Amino acid sequence: MITSFPFVDKYRIPQRFLNDKGLRETGTGLSPPRTTVRPMADSVEMLTARLLGTARRHAIDKTPDDVAIAELHTIGRVPSVLGRAAGVALGGWQHDPITHPWSPRIGALLEAAGADLAARDAEAAVVLARLSTQQGRARHP
């Protein structure tokens, strides 16, 4: 048992994380080894977020449609993912149009880029249901 390192007792580090030099090396410095690895966000979620953020920026900046659509196409052209991003915008707008004023323009840009309307409607229903269940909770605890 290693007791010569003051941080072992102070921070109550379990012995399984220690070797004879202190904390085990993990390749990124000295830290406890990971026993479980949290998976990264799904690539579809990342792509959806990028598309939505780019469309939002172009909607707010009032970029011409052809320029905005060209940039959206550089990010992705998959109709279901474009539809999912449009659904997030539509669901937010359906829930509260006051706090989502750019959502109609965002949705129009994503639809013009080739969004699947069935995917849009399905995602909008999911987003609207999620936001409706959070209605009674405080936004900032």
N, C-alpha and C. Protein backbone atom coordinates (compact mmCIF):
# COMPACT_ATOMS: atom_id res chain seq x y z
N MET A 1 0.84 -1.18 0.00
CA MET A 1 0.00 0.00 0.00
C MET A 1 0.88 1.24 0.00
N ILE A 2 0.54 2.17 -0.88
CA ILE A 2 1.32 3.39 -0.98
C ILE A 2 0.75 4.42 -0.02
N THR A 3 1.62 4.91 0.83
CA THR A 3 1.17 5.95 1.77
C THR A 3 2.11 7.14 1.74
N SER A 4 3.15 7.09 0.89
CA SER A 4 4.11 8.17 0.88
C SER A 4 3.64 9.37 0.07
N PHE A 5 2.57 9.24 -0.63
CA PHE A 5 2.06 10.37 -1.40
C PHE A 5 0.96 11.06 -0.61
N PRO A 6 1.15 12.33 -0.29
CA PRO A 6 0.18 13.01 0.57
C PRO A 6 -1.22 13.10 -0.06
N PHE A 7 -1.31 13.14 -1.38
CA PHE A 7 -2.61 13.29 -1.99
C PHE A 7 -3.45 12.02 -1.91
N VAL A 8 -2.80 10.87 -1.65
CA VAL A 8 -3.54 9.60 -1.57
C VAL A 8 -4.52 9.64 -0.41
N ASP A 9 -4.05 10.08 0.75
CA ASP A 9 -4.92 10.15 1.92
C ASP A 9 -5.83 11.37 1.86
N LYS A 10 -5.29 12.49 1.40
CA LYS A 10 -6.07 13.72 1.38
C LYS A 10 -7.29 13.59 0.47
N TYR A 11 -7.11 12.99 -0.71
CA TYR A 11 -8.21 12.89 -1.66
C TYR A 11 -8.85 11.51 -1.68
N ARG A 12 -8.40 10.64 -0.79
CA ARG A 12 -8.94 9.29 -0.65
C ARG A 12 -8.97 8.54 -1.98
N ILE A 13 -7.82 8.50 -2.63
CA ILE A 13 -7.71 7.81 -3.92
C ILE A 13 -7.64 6.31 -3.67
N PRO A 14 -8.50 5.53 -4.32
CA PRO A 14 -8.48 4.08 -4.13
C PRO A 14 -7.16 3.48 -4.58
N GLN A 15 -6.74 2.43 -3.90
CA GLN A 15 -5.47 1.79 -4.19
C GLN A 15 -5.41 1.21 -5.61
N ARG A 16 -6.54 0.84 -6.17
CA ARG A 16 -6.51 0.24 -7.51
C ARG A 16 -6.04 1.23 -8.58
N PHE A 17 -6.06 2.54 -8.25
CA PHE A 17 -5.61 3.55 -9.19
C PHE A 17 -4.11 3.85 -9.07
N LEU A 18 -3.48 3.21 -8.13
CA LEU A 18 -2.09 3.55 -7.83
C LEU A 18 -1.13 2.47 -8.27
N ASN A 19 0.07 2.88 -8.60
CA ASN A 19 1.18 1.95 -8.79
C ASN A 19 2.29 2.39 -7.86
N ASP A 20 3.50 1.87 -8.02
CA ASP A 20 4.57 2.21 -7.08
C ASP A 20 5.07 3.64 -7.22
N LYS A 21 4.67 4.35 -8.28
CA LYS A 21 5.11 5.73 -8.47
C LYS A 21 4.00 6.74 -8.17
N GLY A 22 2.86 6.30 -7.78
CA GLY A 22 1.74 7.21 -7.55
C GLY A 22 0.60 6.82 -8.46
N LEU A 23 0.03 7.79 -9.11
CA LEU A 23 -1.07 7.50 -10.02
C LEU A 23 -0.55 6.84 -11.29
N ARG A 24 -1.35 5.96 -11.85
CA ARG A 24 -0.98 5.29 -13.09
C ARG A 24 -0.94 6.28 -14.24
N GLU A 25 -0.02 6.05 -15.17
CA GLU A 25 0.05 6.90 -16.35
C GLU A 25 -0.96 6.40 -17.37
N THR A 26 -1.69 7.34 -17.95
CA THR A 26 -2.72 6.96 -18.92
C THR A 26 -2.41 7.46 -20.32
N GLY A 27 -1.26 8.07 -20.52
CA GLY A 27 -0.91 8.58 -21.82
C GLY A 27 -1.16 10.07 -21.94
N THR A 28 -2.00 10.60 -21.11
CA THR A 28 -2.28 12.04 -21.13
C THR A 28 -1.85 12.68 -19.82
N GLY A 29 -0.94 12.04 -19.14
CA GLY A 29 -0.51 12.56 -17.85
C GLY A 29 -0.88 11.57 -16.76
N LEU A 30 -0.69 11.94 -15.55
CA LEU A 30 -1.00 11.08 -14.43
C LEU A 30 -2.44 11.29 -14.01
N SER A 31 -3.21 10.26 -14.11
CA SER A 31 -4.60 10.33 -13.69
C SER A 31 -5.11 8.92 -13.46
N PRO A 32 -6.21 8.77 -12.74
CA PRO A 32 -6.74 7.43 -12.52
C PRO A 32 -7.13 6.79 -13.85
N PRO A 33 -6.91 5.49 -14.00
CA PRO A 33 -7.29 4.85 -15.25
C PRO A 33 -8.81 4.83 -15.40
N ARG A 34 -9.26 4.92 -16.62
CA ARG A 34 -10.70 4.90 -16.86
C ARG A 34 -11.19 3.47 -16.86
N THR A 35 -12.19 3.23 -16.06
CA THR A 35 -12.79 1.90 -16.06
C THR A 35 -13.97 1.85 -17.01
N THR A 36 -14.62 2.99 -17.18
CA THR A 36 -15.69 3.09 -18.16
C THR A 36 -15.42 4.31 -19.02
N VAL A 37 -15.65 4.19 -20.28
CA VAL A 37 -15.43 5.28 -21.19
C VAL A 37 -16.78 5.80 -21.64
N ARG A 38 -17.00 7.07 -21.43
CA ARG A 38 -18.27 7.66 -21.86
C ARG A 38 -18.22 7.82 -23.38
N PRO A 39 -19.21 7.27 -24.08
CA PRO A 39 -19.17 7.36 -25.54
C PRO A 39 -19.36 8.80 -25.99
N MET A 40 -18.70 9.13 -27.09
CA MET A 40 -18.88 10.45 -27.67
C MET A 40 -20.29 10.56 -28.22
N ALA A 41 -20.73 11.77 -28.42
CA ALA A 41 -22.04 11.98 -28.99
C ALA A 41 -22.09 11.31 -30.36
N ASP A 42 -23.23 10.80 -30.68
CA ASP A 42 -23.44 10.14 -31.95
C ASP A 42 -23.11 11.10 -33.09
N SER A 43 -22.54 10.59 -34.16
CA SER A 43 -22.14 11.45 -35.27
C SER A 43 -23.35 12.14 -35.89
N VAL A 44 -24.51 11.50 -35.86
CA VAL A 44 -25.72 12.14 -36.38
C VAL A 44 -26.09 13.34 -35.51
N GLU A 45 -25.94 13.21 -34.20
CA GLU A 45 -26.23 14.33 -33.30
C GLU A 45 -25.26 15.48 -33.54
N MET A 46 -24.00 15.15 -33.76
CA MET A 46 -23.00 16.19 -34.02
C MET A 46 -23.30 16.90 -35.34
N LEU A 47 -23.63 16.14 -36.35
CA LEU A 47 -23.95 16.72 -37.65
C LEU A 47 -25.21 17.57 -37.57
N THR A 48 -26.20 17.10 -36.83
CA THR A 48 -27.43 17.87 -36.64
C THR A 48 -27.12 19.20 -35.96
N ALA A 49 -26.30 19.16 -34.94
CA ALA A 49 -25.95 20.38 -34.22
C ALA A 49 -25.20 21.36 -35.11
N ARG A 50 -24.28 20.85 -35.92
CA ARG A 50 -23.54 21.73 -36.83
C ARG A 50 -24.46 22.36 -37.86
N LEU A 51 -25.36 21.56 -38.43
CA LEU A 51 -26.30 22.08 -39.42
C LEU A 51 -27.22 23.13 -38.80
N LEU A 52 -27.72 22.83 -37.62
CA LEU A 52 -28.62 23.76 -36.95
C LEU A 52 -27.91 25.06 -36.59
N GLY A 53 -26.71 24.96 -36.08
CA GLY A 53 -25.95 26.17 -35.73
C GLY A 53 -25.61 27.02 -36.94
N THR A 54 -25.24 26.36 -38.02
CA THR A 54 -24.90 27.09 -39.25
C THR A 54 -26.15 27.77 -39.82
N ALA A 55 -27.27 27.04 -39.85
CA ALA A 55 -28.51 27.62 -40.36
C ALA A 55 -28.95 28.79 -39.47
N ARG A 56 -28.78 28.66 -38.17
CA ARG A 56 -29.15 29.75 -37.25
C ARG A 56 -28.30 30.99 -37.52
N ARG A 57 -27.01 30.77 -37.70
CA ARG A 57 -26.12 31.91 -37.97
C ARG A 57 -26.54 32.63 -39.26
N HIS A 58 -26.82 31.86 -40.30
CA HIS A 58 -27.22 32.46 -41.57
C HIS A 58 -28.59 33.13 -41.46
N ALA A 59 -29.48 32.57 -40.67
CA ALA A 59 -30.80 33.19 -40.49
C ALA A 59 -30.68 34.53 -39.78
N ILE A 60 -29.87 34.59 -38.76
CA ILE A 60 -29.69 35.82 -38.00
C ILE A 60 -28.97 36.87 -38.84
N ASP A 61 -27.95 36.44 -39.59
CA ASP A 61 -27.18 37.37 -40.42
C ASP A 61 -27.89 37.76 -41.71
N LYS A 62 -29.02 37.11 -42.00
CA LYS A 62 -29.79 37.35 -43.22
C LYS A 62 -28.93 37.13 -44.47
N THR A 63 -28.16 36.05 -44.43
CA THR A 63 -27.33 35.67 -45.57
C THR A 63 -28.24 35.27 -46.73
N PRO A 64 -27.85 35.59 -47.97
CA PRO A 64 -28.64 35.13 -49.11
C PRO A 64 -28.78 33.60 -49.11
N ASP A 65 -29.95 33.13 -49.56
CA ASP A 65 -30.25 31.70 -49.50
C ASP A 65 -29.21 30.84 -50.20
N ASP A 66 -28.77 31.23 -51.38
CA ASP A 66 -27.84 30.38 -52.12
C ASP A 66 -26.51 30.22 -51.40
N VAL A 67 -26.05 31.27 -50.74
CA VAL A 67 -24.80 31.18 -49.98
C VAL A 67 -24.99 30.29 -48.75
N ALA A 68 -26.11 30.47 -48.05
CA ALA A 68 -26.39 29.67 -46.85
C ALA A 68 -26.53 28.19 -47.21
N ILE A 69 -27.27 27.91 -48.28
CA ILE A 69 -27.48 26.52 -48.69
C ILE A 69 -26.17 25.87 -49.12
N ALA A 70 -25.32 26.63 -49.80
CA ALA A 70 -24.02 26.10 -50.21
C ALA A 70 -23.18 25.70 -49.00
N GLU A 71 -23.20 26.53 -47.96
CA GLU A 71 -22.45 26.17 -46.76
C GLU A 71 -23.07 24.98 -46.04
N LEU A 72 -24.40 24.92 -45.99
CA LEU A 72 -25.05 23.76 -45.38
C LEU A 72 -24.68 22.48 -46.13
N HIS A 73 -24.58 22.56 -47.45
CA HIS A 73 -24.20 21.38 -48.24
C HIS A 73 -22.76 20.96 -47.99
N THR A 74 -21.89 21.89 -47.63
CA THR A 74 -20.52 21.49 -47.30
C THR A 74 -20.47 20.71 -46.00
N ILE A 75 -21.45 20.94 -45.12
CA ILE A 75 -21.50 20.21 -43.85
C ILE A 75 -22.14 18.85 -44.05
N GLY A 76 -23.26 18.81 -44.77
CA GLY A 76 -23.93 17.54 -44.98
C GLY A 76 -25.11 17.69 -45.92
N ARG A 77 -25.38 16.61 -46.65
CA ARG A 77 -26.48 16.61 -47.61
C ARG A 77 -27.49 15.50 -47.34
N VAL A 78 -27.37 14.80 -46.25
CA VAL A 78 -28.26 13.68 -45.95
C VAL A 78 -29.64 14.24 -45.59
N PRO A 79 -30.67 13.91 -46.37
CA PRO A 79 -32.00 14.49 -46.14
C PRO A 79 -32.56 14.22 -44.74
N SER A 80 -32.31 13.03 -44.20
CA SER A 80 -32.86 12.72 -42.88
C SER A 80 -32.20 13.57 -41.79
N VAL A 81 -30.91 13.84 -41.93
CA VAL A 81 -30.22 14.66 -40.93
C VAL A 81 -30.62 16.13 -41.08
N LEU A 82 -30.74 16.59 -42.31
CA LEU A 82 -31.25 17.95 -42.54
C LEU A 82 -32.66 18.09 -41.96
N GLY A 83 -33.48 17.04 -42.15
CA GLY A 83 -34.83 17.05 -41.60
C GLY A 83 -34.84 17.06 -40.09
N ARG A 84 -33.91 16.33 -39.51
CA ARG A 84 -33.82 16.30 -38.04
C ARG A 84 -33.47 17.68 -37.50
N ALA A 85 -32.52 18.36 -38.15
CA ALA A 85 -32.15 19.72 -37.72
C ALA A 85 -33.33 20.68 -37.89
N ALA A 86 -34.04 20.55 -39.01
CA ALA A 86 -35.22 21.40 -39.23
C ALA A 86 -36.30 21.10 -38.19
N GLY A 87 -36.41 19.84 -37.77
CA GLY A 87 -37.39 19.47 -36.76
C GLY A 87 -37.08 20.06 -35.40
N VAL A 88 -35.80 20.16 -35.07
CA VAL A 88 -35.41 20.79 -33.80
C VAL A 88 -35.86 22.26 -33.81
N ALA A 89 -35.62 22.93 -34.93
CA ALA A 89 -36.03 24.34 -35.04
C ALA A 89 -37.55 24.47 -35.00
N LEU A 90 -38.24 23.61 -35.72
CA LEU A 90 -39.70 23.67 -35.77
C LEU A 90 -40.32 23.36 -34.40
N GLY A 91 -39.80 22.34 -33.71
CA GLY A 91 -40.33 21.99 -32.40
C GLY A 91 -40.13 23.10 -31.39
N GLY A 92 -38.99 23.77 -31.43
CA GLY A 92 -38.77 24.91 -30.53
C GLY A 92 -39.71 26.05 -30.82
N TRP A 93 -39.95 26.30 -32.10
CA TRP A 93 -40.85 27.38 -32.48
C TRP A 93 -42.29 27.06 -32.11
N GLN A 94 -42.69 25.80 -32.29
CA GLN A 94 -44.04 25.41 -31.90
C GLN A 94 -44.25 25.53 -30.40
N HIS A 95 -43.21 25.26 -29.65
CA HIS A 95 -43.31 25.36 -28.19
C HIS A 95 -43.42 26.81 -27.73
N ASP A 96 -42.55 27.67 -28.27
CA ASP A 96 -42.54 29.07 -27.84
C ASP A 96 -41.98 29.94 -28.96
N PRO A 97 -42.86 30.50 -29.79
CA PRO A 97 -42.38 31.31 -30.91
C PRO A 97 -41.67 32.59 -30.49
N ILE A 98 -41.92 33.05 -29.28
CA ILE A 98 -41.28 34.29 -28.81
C ILE A 98 -39.79 34.07 -28.58
N THR A 99 -39.43 32.94 -27.98
CA THR A 99 -38.02 32.68 -27.69
C THR A 99 -37.28 32.03 -28.86
N HIS A 100 -38.00 31.66 -29.90
CA HIS A 100 -37.38 31.05 -31.09
C HIS A 100 -37.79 31.81 -32.35
N PRO A 101 -37.50 33.10 -32.43
CA PRO A 101 -38.00 33.90 -33.56
C PRO A 101 -37.36 33.55 -34.90
N TRP A 102 -36.17 32.97 -34.89
CA TRP A 102 -35.48 32.67 -36.14
C TRP A 102 -35.81 31.28 -36.66
N SER A 103 -36.57 30.51 -35.93
CA SER A 103 -36.83 29.13 -36.33
C SER A 103 -37.52 28.98 -37.69
N PRO A 104 -38.48 29.81 -38.06
CA PRO A 104 -39.06 29.65 -39.40
C PRO A 104 -38.02 29.83 -40.51
N ARG A 105 -37.15 30.79 -40.37
CA ARG A 105 -36.09 31.02 -41.38
C ARG A 105 -35.09 29.87 -41.36
N ILE A 106 -34.74 29.38 -40.17
CA ILE A 106 -33.83 28.25 -40.06
C ILE A 106 -34.43 27.03 -40.76
N GLY A 107 -35.69 26.76 -40.48
CA GLY A 107 -36.37 25.64 -41.11
C GLY A 107 -36.44 25.79 -42.62
N ALA A 108 -36.70 27.01 -43.10
CA ALA A 108 -36.77 27.24 -44.54
C ALA A 108 -35.43 26.98 -45.21
N LEU A 109 -34.35 27.40 -44.57
CA LEU A 109 -33.01 27.15 -45.14
C LEU A 109 -32.71 25.66 -45.19
N LEU A 110 -33.02 24.95 -44.13
CA LEU A 110 -32.74 23.52 -44.09
C LEU A 110 -33.64 22.76 -45.07
N GLU A 111 -34.88 23.19 -45.23
CA GLU A 111 -35.76 22.55 -46.21
C GLU A 111 -35.27 22.82 -47.62
N ALA A 112 -34.80 24.03 -47.88
CA ALA A 112 -34.27 24.36 -49.20
C ALA A 112 -32.99 23.57 -49.49
N ALA A 113 -32.28 23.20 -48.43
CA ALA A 113 -31.06 22.40 -48.60
C ALA A 113 -31.38 20.93 -48.85
N GLY A 114 -32.64 20.54 -48.69
CA GLY A 114 -33.04 19.17 -49.01
C GLY A 114 -33.50 18.35 -47.83
N ALA A 115 -34.04 18.98 -46.81
CA ALA A 115 -34.50 18.26 -45.62
C ALA A 115 -35.68 17.35 -45.93
N ASP A 116 -35.67 16.19 -45.30
CA ASP A 116 -36.79 15.25 -45.41
C ASP A 116 -37.91 15.74 -44.49
N LEU A 117 -39.07 16.00 -45.07
CA LEU A 117 -40.16 16.58 -44.29
C LEU A 117 -40.75 15.61 -43.26
N ALA A 118 -40.72 14.33 -43.57
CA ALA A 118 -41.21 13.35 -42.59
C ALA A 118 -40.29 13.30 -41.38
N ALA A 119 -38.98 13.35 -41.61
CA ALA A 119 -38.02 13.37 -40.50
C ALA A 119 -38.16 14.67 -39.71
N ARG A 120 -38.43 15.76 -40.42
CA ARG A 120 -38.63 17.05 -39.74
C ARG A 120 -39.82 16.98 -38.79
N ASP A 121 -40.94 16.46 -39.29
CA ASP A 121 -42.15 16.40 -38.46
C ASP A 121 -41.99 15.46 -37.27
N ALA A 122 -41.29 14.34 -37.48
CA ALA A 122 -41.07 13.40 -36.38
C ALA A 122 -40.19 14.01 -35.30
N GLU A 123 -39.12 14.69 -35.71
CA GLU A 123 -38.22 15.31 -34.73
C GLU A 123 -38.90 16.48 -34.03
N ALA A 124 -39.72 17.23 -34.75
CA ALA A 124 -40.44 18.35 -34.14
C ALA A 124 -41.37 17.84 -33.04
N ALA A 125 -42.02 16.71 -33.28
CA ALA A 125 -42.91 16.14 -32.26
C ALA A 125 -42.14 15.73 -31.02
N VAL A 126 -40.95 15.14 -31.21
CA VAL A 126 -40.11 14.73 -30.08
C VAL A 126 -39.65 15.95 -29.28
N VAL A 127 -39.18 16.98 -29.99
CA VAL A 127 -38.70 18.19 -29.33
C VAL A 127 -39.84 18.89 -28.59
N LEU A 128 -40.99 18.99 -29.23
CA LEU A 128 -42.14 19.64 -28.60
C LEU A 128 -42.57 18.90 -27.34
N ALA A 129 -42.59 17.57 -27.40
CA ALA A 129 -42.95 16.78 -26.22
C ALA A 129 -41.94 16.98 -25.10
N ARG A 130 -40.65 17.00 -25.43
CA ARG A 130 -39.62 17.19 -24.42
C ARG A 130 -39.71 18.57 -23.78
N LEU A 131 -39.91 19.59 -24.60
CA LEU A 131 -40.01 20.95 -24.06
C LEU A 131 -41.28 21.14 -23.25
N SER A 132 -42.36 20.48 -23.63
CA SER A 132 -43.62 20.60 -22.90
C SER A 132 -43.52 19.99 -21.51
N THR A 133 -42.75 18.92 -21.36
CA THR A 133 -42.60 18.30 -20.04
C THR A 133 -41.71 19.15 -19.15
N GLN A 134 -40.88 20.00 -19.72
CA GLN A 134 -40.00 20.87 -18.94
C GLN A 134 -40.64 22.21 -18.63
N GLN A 135 -41.88 22.41 -19.06
CA GLN A 135 -42.55 23.70 -18.91
C GLN A 135 -42.64 24.15 -17.45
N GLY A 136 -42.95 23.22 -16.55
CA GLY A 136 -43.14 23.60 -15.16
C GLY A 136 -41.85 23.80 -14.38
N ARG A 137 -40.74 23.36 -14.92
CA ARG A 137 -39.47 23.47 -14.19
C ARG A 137 -38.82 24.85 -14.41
N ALA A 138 -38.06 25.24 -13.43
CA ALA A 138 -37.32 26.49 -13.58
C ALA A 138 -36.22 26.29 -14.61
N ARG A 139 -35.98 27.28 -15.41
CA ARG A 139 -34.96 27.15 -16.46
C ARG A 139 -33.57 27.17 -15.87
N HIS A 140 -33.34 28.00 -14.89
CA HIS A 140 -32.02 28.10 -14.26
C HIS A 140 -32.17 27.84 -12.78
N PRO A 141 -31.80 26.63 -12.33
CA PRO A 141 -31.99 26.31 -10.90
C PRO A 141 -31.16 27.15 -9.99
